[in-house]
N, C-alpha and C. Protein backbone atom coordinates (compact mmCIF):
# COMPACT_ATOMS: atom_id res chain seq x y z
N MET A 1 86.42 121.70 75.26
CA MET A 1 87.53 120.95 75.81
C MET A 1 87.09 120.33 77.13
N GLY A 2 87.32 119.02 77.27
CA GLY A 2 86.92 118.31 78.47
C GLY A 2 87.85 118.56 79.63
N LYS A 3 87.41 118.12 80.79
CA LYS A 3 88.20 118.30 82.01
C LYS A 3 89.59 117.66 81.89
N ARG A 4 89.65 116.44 81.32
CA ARG A 4 90.95 115.77 81.18
C ARG A 4 91.88 116.56 80.27
N ASP A 5 91.35 117.10 79.17
CA ASP A 5 92.16 117.90 78.25
C ASP A 5 92.70 119.15 78.94
N GLU A 6 91.86 119.76 79.79
CA GLU A 6 92.30 120.94 80.54
C GLU A 6 93.45 120.58 81.47
N LEU A 7 93.33 119.42 82.14
CA LEU A 7 94.38 118.98 83.06
C LEU A 7 95.67 118.67 82.29
N ILE A 8 95.56 118.02 81.14
CA ILE A 8 96.74 117.71 80.33
C ILE A 8 97.44 119.01 79.92
N ALA A 9 96.67 120.02 79.55
CA ALA A 9 97.25 121.32 79.18
C ALA A 9 97.97 121.94 80.39
N LYS A 10 97.36 121.81 81.57
CA LYS A 10 97.99 122.33 82.79
C LYS A 10 99.28 121.57 83.09
N TYR A 11 99.27 120.25 82.91
CA TYR A 11 100.46 119.43 83.16
C TYR A 11 101.58 119.79 82.18
N ALA A 12 101.21 120.00 80.91
CA ALA A 12 102.20 120.37 79.89
C ALA A 12 102.84 121.71 80.25
N GLU A 13 102.02 122.62 80.76
CA GLU A 13 102.51 123.94 81.18
C GLU A 13 103.50 123.78 82.34
N ASP A 14 103.17 122.92 83.31
CA ASP A 14 104.07 122.67 84.44
C ASP A 14 105.40 122.10 83.94
N LEU A 15 105.34 121.16 83.00
CA LEU A 15 106.56 120.57 82.47
C LEU A 15 107.44 121.64 81.82
N LYS A 16 106.81 122.56 81.08
CA LYS A 16 107.57 123.62 80.41
C LYS A 16 108.10 124.64 81.42
N ASP A 17 107.20 125.20 82.24
CA ASP A 17 107.54 126.31 83.11
C ASP A 17 108.32 125.92 84.36
N LYS A 18 107.92 124.84 85.01
CA LYS A 18 108.52 124.48 86.29
C LYS A 18 109.65 123.45 86.16
N CYS A 19 109.58 122.64 85.12
CA CYS A 19 110.57 121.55 84.97
C CYS A 19 111.56 121.80 83.83
N GLY A 20 111.29 122.83 83.03
CA GLY A 20 112.19 123.15 81.93
C GLY A 20 112.25 122.07 80.86
N MET A 21 111.14 121.37 80.67
CA MET A 21 111.09 120.28 79.68
C MET A 21 110.12 120.64 78.57
N ASP A 22 110.40 120.13 77.38
CA ASP A 22 109.48 120.28 76.26
C ASP A 22 108.68 118.98 76.20
N PRO A 23 107.42 119.00 76.67
CA PRO A 23 106.68 117.74 76.81
C PRO A 23 106.26 117.10 75.49
N ASP A 24 106.30 115.77 75.49
CA ASP A 24 105.74 114.95 74.42
C ASP A 24 104.27 114.79 74.82
N VAL A 25 103.41 115.60 74.21
CA VAL A 25 102.00 115.66 74.62
C VAL A 25 101.30 114.32 74.44
N ASP A 26 101.68 113.55 73.42
CA ASP A 26 101.08 112.24 73.21
C ASP A 26 101.38 111.32 74.39
N LEU A 27 102.65 111.29 74.81
CA LEU A 27 103.03 110.47 75.96
C LEU A 27 102.39 111.00 77.24
N LEU A 28 102.37 112.32 77.41
CA LEU A 28 101.76 112.92 78.59
C LEU A 28 100.28 112.55 78.68
N THR A 29 99.60 112.54 77.54
CA THR A 29 98.19 112.15 77.51
C THR A 29 98.03 110.71 77.96
N LYS A 30 98.87 109.82 77.47
CA LYS A 30 98.79 108.40 77.84
C LYS A 30 99.09 108.18 79.32
N VAL A 31 100.09 108.89 79.83
CA VAL A 31 100.43 108.79 81.26
C VAL A 31 99.26 109.30 82.10
N THR A 32 98.67 110.41 81.69
CA THR A 32 97.54 111.00 82.41
C THR A 32 96.36 110.03 82.43
N ILE A 33 96.05 109.42 81.30
CA ILE A 33 94.96 108.45 81.22
C ILE A 33 95.28 107.26 82.15
N GLY A 34 96.56 106.88 82.19
CA GLY A 34 96.99 105.78 83.04
C GLY A 34 96.80 106.05 84.52
N CYS A 35 96.76 107.32 84.90
CA CYS A 35 96.54 107.68 86.31
C CYS A 35 95.08 107.44 86.72
N GLY A 36 94.21 107.29 85.74
CA GLY A 36 92.81 107.01 86.03
C GLY A 36 92.11 108.17 86.73
N PRO A 37 91.11 107.83 87.55
CA PRO A 37 90.31 108.87 88.21
C PRO A 37 91.08 109.68 89.25
N ALA A 38 92.29 109.26 89.62
CA ALA A 38 93.09 109.98 90.62
C ALA A 38 93.32 111.44 90.23
N ILE A 39 93.40 111.72 88.91
CA ILE A 39 93.68 113.09 88.47
C ILE A 39 92.55 114.05 88.81
N TYR A 40 91.36 113.54 89.10
CA TYR A 40 90.22 114.41 89.41
C TYR A 40 90.06 114.62 90.92
N ASP A 41 90.83 113.90 91.72
CA ASP A 41 90.75 114.01 93.18
C ASP A 41 91.89 114.90 93.65
N ALA A 42 91.56 115.98 94.33
CA ALA A 42 92.56 116.98 94.73
C ALA A 42 93.73 116.36 95.50
N ASP A 43 93.45 115.43 96.39
CA ASP A 43 94.52 114.83 97.19
C ASP A 43 95.34 113.83 96.36
N ALA A 44 94.66 112.97 95.63
CA ALA A 44 95.33 111.92 94.85
C ALA A 44 96.05 112.47 93.62
N ALA A 45 95.64 113.63 93.15
CA ALA A 45 96.21 114.19 91.92
C ALA A 45 97.63 114.70 92.11
N THR A 46 98.05 114.87 93.38
CA THR A 46 99.39 115.38 93.64
C THR A 46 100.21 114.35 94.42
N VAL A 47 101.52 114.51 94.35
CA VAL A 47 102.45 113.65 95.07
C VAL A 47 103.02 114.46 96.24
N ALA A 48 102.86 113.94 97.44
CA ALA A 48 103.41 114.60 98.63
C ALA A 48 104.88 114.21 98.75
N ALA A 49 105.75 115.04 98.20
CA ALA A 49 107.18 114.72 98.12
C ALA A 49 107.85 114.60 99.48
N SER A 50 107.25 115.23 100.49
CA SER A 50 107.88 115.21 101.82
C SER A 50 107.50 113.97 102.62
N GLN A 51 106.57 113.16 102.11
CA GLN A 51 106.14 111.96 102.83
C GLN A 51 106.82 110.73 102.25
N GLU A 52 107.63 110.10 103.07
CA GLU A 52 108.36 108.90 102.64
C GLU A 52 107.41 107.81 102.14
N SER A 53 106.27 107.66 102.83
CA SER A 53 105.30 106.62 102.45
C SER A 53 104.73 106.88 101.06
N GLU A 54 104.54 108.15 100.73
CA GLU A 54 104.03 108.52 99.40
C GLU A 54 105.04 108.18 98.32
N LEU A 55 106.31 108.44 98.59
CA LEU A 55 107.37 108.13 97.62
C LEU A 55 107.51 106.62 97.44
N GLU A 56 107.31 105.87 98.53
CA GLU A 56 107.34 104.40 98.44
C GLU A 56 106.19 103.91 97.57
N THR A 57 105.03 104.55 97.70
CA THR A 57 103.86 104.19 96.89
C THR A 57 104.14 104.44 95.41
N VAL A 58 104.76 105.58 95.11
CA VAL A 58 105.13 105.89 93.72
C VAL A 58 106.08 104.80 93.20
N LYS A 59 107.06 104.45 94.03
CA LYS A 59 108.05 103.44 93.63
C LYS A 59 107.37 102.09 93.39
N ASN A 60 106.58 101.62 94.36
CA ASN A 60 105.98 100.29 94.25
C ASN A 60 104.86 100.20 93.22
N ASN A 61 103.94 101.16 93.24
CA ASN A 61 102.78 101.06 92.36
C ASN A 61 103.04 101.55 90.94
N PHE A 62 103.95 102.49 90.78
CA PHE A 62 104.20 102.99 89.43
C PHE A 62 105.47 102.40 88.81
N LEU A 63 106.60 102.60 89.46
CA LEU A 63 107.86 102.15 88.85
C LEU A 63 107.95 100.63 88.75
N ILE A 64 107.56 99.93 89.80
CA ILE A 64 107.70 98.47 89.80
C ILE A 64 106.52 97.79 89.10
N LYS A 65 105.28 98.13 89.53
CA LYS A 65 104.10 97.46 88.95
C LYS A 65 103.78 97.93 87.53
N LYS A 66 103.76 99.25 87.31
CA LYS A 66 103.36 99.77 86.00
C LYS A 66 104.50 99.72 84.97
N LEU A 67 105.67 100.23 85.36
CA LEU A 67 106.77 100.28 84.40
C LEU A 67 107.59 98.98 84.35
N GLY A 68 107.37 98.09 85.33
CA GLY A 68 108.06 96.81 85.33
C GLY A 68 109.53 96.88 85.70
N LEU A 69 109.91 97.89 86.47
CA LEU A 69 111.32 98.03 86.88
C LEU A 69 111.61 97.13 88.09
N THR A 70 112.87 96.76 88.24
CA THR A 70 113.30 95.96 89.37
C THR A 70 113.68 96.89 90.51
N ASP A 71 113.26 96.53 91.72
CA ASP A 71 113.55 97.37 92.88
C ASP A 71 115.05 97.52 93.09
N GLY A 72 115.45 98.71 93.42
CA GLY A 72 116.85 98.99 93.70
C GLY A 72 116.99 100.45 94.06
N PRO A 73 118.17 100.86 94.55
CA PRO A 73 118.36 102.26 94.98
C PRO A 73 118.16 103.27 93.86
N GLU A 74 118.37 102.84 92.61
CA GLU A 74 118.21 103.78 91.48
C GLU A 74 116.76 104.25 91.32
N LEU A 75 115.79 103.49 91.83
CA LEU A 75 114.39 103.91 91.72
C LEU A 75 114.14 105.15 92.58
N MET A 76 114.58 105.10 93.84
CA MET A 76 114.42 106.27 94.71
C MET A 76 115.25 107.45 94.20
N GLU A 77 116.43 107.16 93.64
CA GLU A 77 117.25 108.22 93.07
C GLU A 77 116.49 108.92 91.94
N GLY A 78 115.81 108.13 91.10
CA GLY A 78 115.01 108.68 90.00
C GLY A 78 113.86 109.52 90.51
N ILE A 79 113.18 109.03 91.56
CA ILE A 79 112.06 109.77 92.16
C ILE A 79 112.58 111.09 92.73
N ASN A 80 113.68 111.03 93.46
CA ASN A 80 114.24 112.25 94.06
C ASN A 80 114.67 113.25 92.99
N LYS A 81 115.21 112.74 91.89
CA LYS A 81 115.62 113.62 90.78
C LYS A 81 114.39 114.31 90.18
N ALA A 82 113.31 113.55 90.01
CA ALA A 82 112.07 114.13 89.48
C ALA A 82 111.53 115.21 90.42
N MET A 83 111.59 114.95 91.73
CA MET A 83 111.12 115.94 92.72
C MET A 83 111.97 117.21 92.66
N GLU A 84 113.29 117.04 92.53
CA GLU A 84 114.18 118.20 92.43
C GLU A 84 113.92 118.97 91.15
N THR A 85 113.70 118.25 90.05
CA THR A 85 113.42 118.91 88.77
C THR A 85 112.14 119.73 88.87
N TYR A 86 111.13 119.16 89.54
CA TYR A 86 109.84 119.86 89.70
C TYR A 86 110.03 121.07 90.61
N GLY A 87 110.96 120.97 91.54
CA GLY A 87 111.22 122.07 92.49
C GLY A 87 110.68 121.71 93.85
N MET A 88 111.58 121.55 94.80
CA MET A 88 111.15 121.14 96.14
C MET A 88 110.19 122.14 96.78
N SER A 89 110.29 123.41 96.40
CA SER A 89 109.40 124.42 96.98
C SER A 89 108.01 124.41 96.34
N GLU A 90 107.88 123.71 95.24
CA GLU A 90 106.58 123.61 94.54
C GLU A 90 105.66 122.70 95.34
N ARG A 91 104.58 123.26 95.87
CA ARG A 91 103.68 122.47 96.72
C ARG A 91 102.88 121.44 95.92
N ASN A 92 102.35 121.86 94.78
CA ASN A 92 101.51 120.95 93.99
C ASN A 92 102.32 120.25 92.91
N LYS A 93 102.80 119.09 93.24
CA LYS A 93 103.52 118.28 92.25
C LYS A 93 102.49 117.30 91.69
N TYR A 94 102.03 117.58 90.49
CA TYR A 94 100.98 116.74 89.91
C TYR A 94 101.50 115.34 89.60
N ARG A 95 100.71 114.36 90.00
CA ARG A 95 101.08 112.95 89.84
C ARG A 95 101.40 112.63 88.38
N ALA A 96 100.57 113.09 87.45
CA ALA A 96 100.79 112.79 86.03
C ALA A 96 102.11 113.38 85.54
N VAL A 97 102.49 114.55 86.05
CA VAL A 97 103.75 115.18 85.65
C VAL A 97 104.92 114.38 86.21
N VAL A 98 104.83 113.98 87.48
CA VAL A 98 105.88 113.18 88.11
C VAL A 98 106.03 111.85 87.37
N TYR A 99 104.90 111.20 87.08
CA TYR A 99 104.94 109.91 86.38
C TYR A 99 105.52 110.06 84.98
N TYR A 100 105.18 111.16 84.32
CA TYR A 100 105.73 111.44 82.98
C TYR A 100 107.25 111.55 83.07
N MET A 101 107.73 112.35 84.04
CA MET A 101 109.19 112.53 84.18
C MET A 101 109.88 111.21 84.50
N LEU A 102 109.25 110.38 85.32
CA LEU A 102 109.84 109.09 85.67
C LEU A 102 109.85 108.15 84.47
N THR A 103 108.79 108.19 83.68
CA THR A 103 108.73 107.37 82.47
C THR A 103 109.88 107.74 81.53
N LYS A 104 110.10 109.05 81.36
CA LYS A 104 111.20 109.52 80.50
C LYS A 104 112.56 109.18 81.12
N HIS A 105 112.69 109.42 82.41
CA HIS A 105 113.97 109.18 83.12
C HIS A 105 114.44 107.74 82.96
N PHE A 106 113.49 106.79 83.09
CA PHE A 106 113.85 105.38 83.01
C PHE A 106 113.72 104.79 81.60
N GLY A 107 113.39 105.66 80.62
CA GLY A 107 113.30 105.21 79.22
C GLY A 107 112.23 104.16 78.99
N LYS A 108 111.10 104.31 79.68
CA LYS A 108 110.04 103.31 79.60
C LYS A 108 108.82 103.79 78.79
N GLU A 109 109.07 104.66 77.83
CA GLU A 109 107.96 105.17 77.01
C GLU A 109 107.20 104.04 76.31
N ALA A 110 107.88 102.95 76.00
CA ALA A 110 107.25 101.83 75.29
C ALA A 110 106.10 101.20 76.08
N VAL A 111 106.10 101.37 77.40
CA VAL A 111 105.02 100.85 78.23
C VAL A 111 103.70 101.47 77.79
N TYR A 112 103.77 102.72 77.33
CA TYR A 112 102.56 103.43 76.88
C TYR A 112 102.40 103.37 75.37
N GLY A 113 103.21 102.55 74.71
CA GLY A 113 103.18 102.43 73.24
C GLY A 113 101.84 102.02 72.74
């Protein structure tokens, strides 16, 4: 099993255990691949939920550029909901897991079709 497969398994476990979700592994795999080399970098692989600039980056680079959503207050609401679902006390919020939850939240699975 390759490094990416190990990470996908870890992300699926986080979705089950920490987020209470039954992950669609096919979609999770596509979202993880979409994150590119960031998943292998300890700093880039996680989302710093307490940093406003980091949340803005998620909004602009993922929700608007990748998923094609229009900017509005519902984007930050979706991000905040994903952070709450993951658990605010959880230090390591994996980017691929957050992106997966946002993709599901906004019904944009077709982007990874």
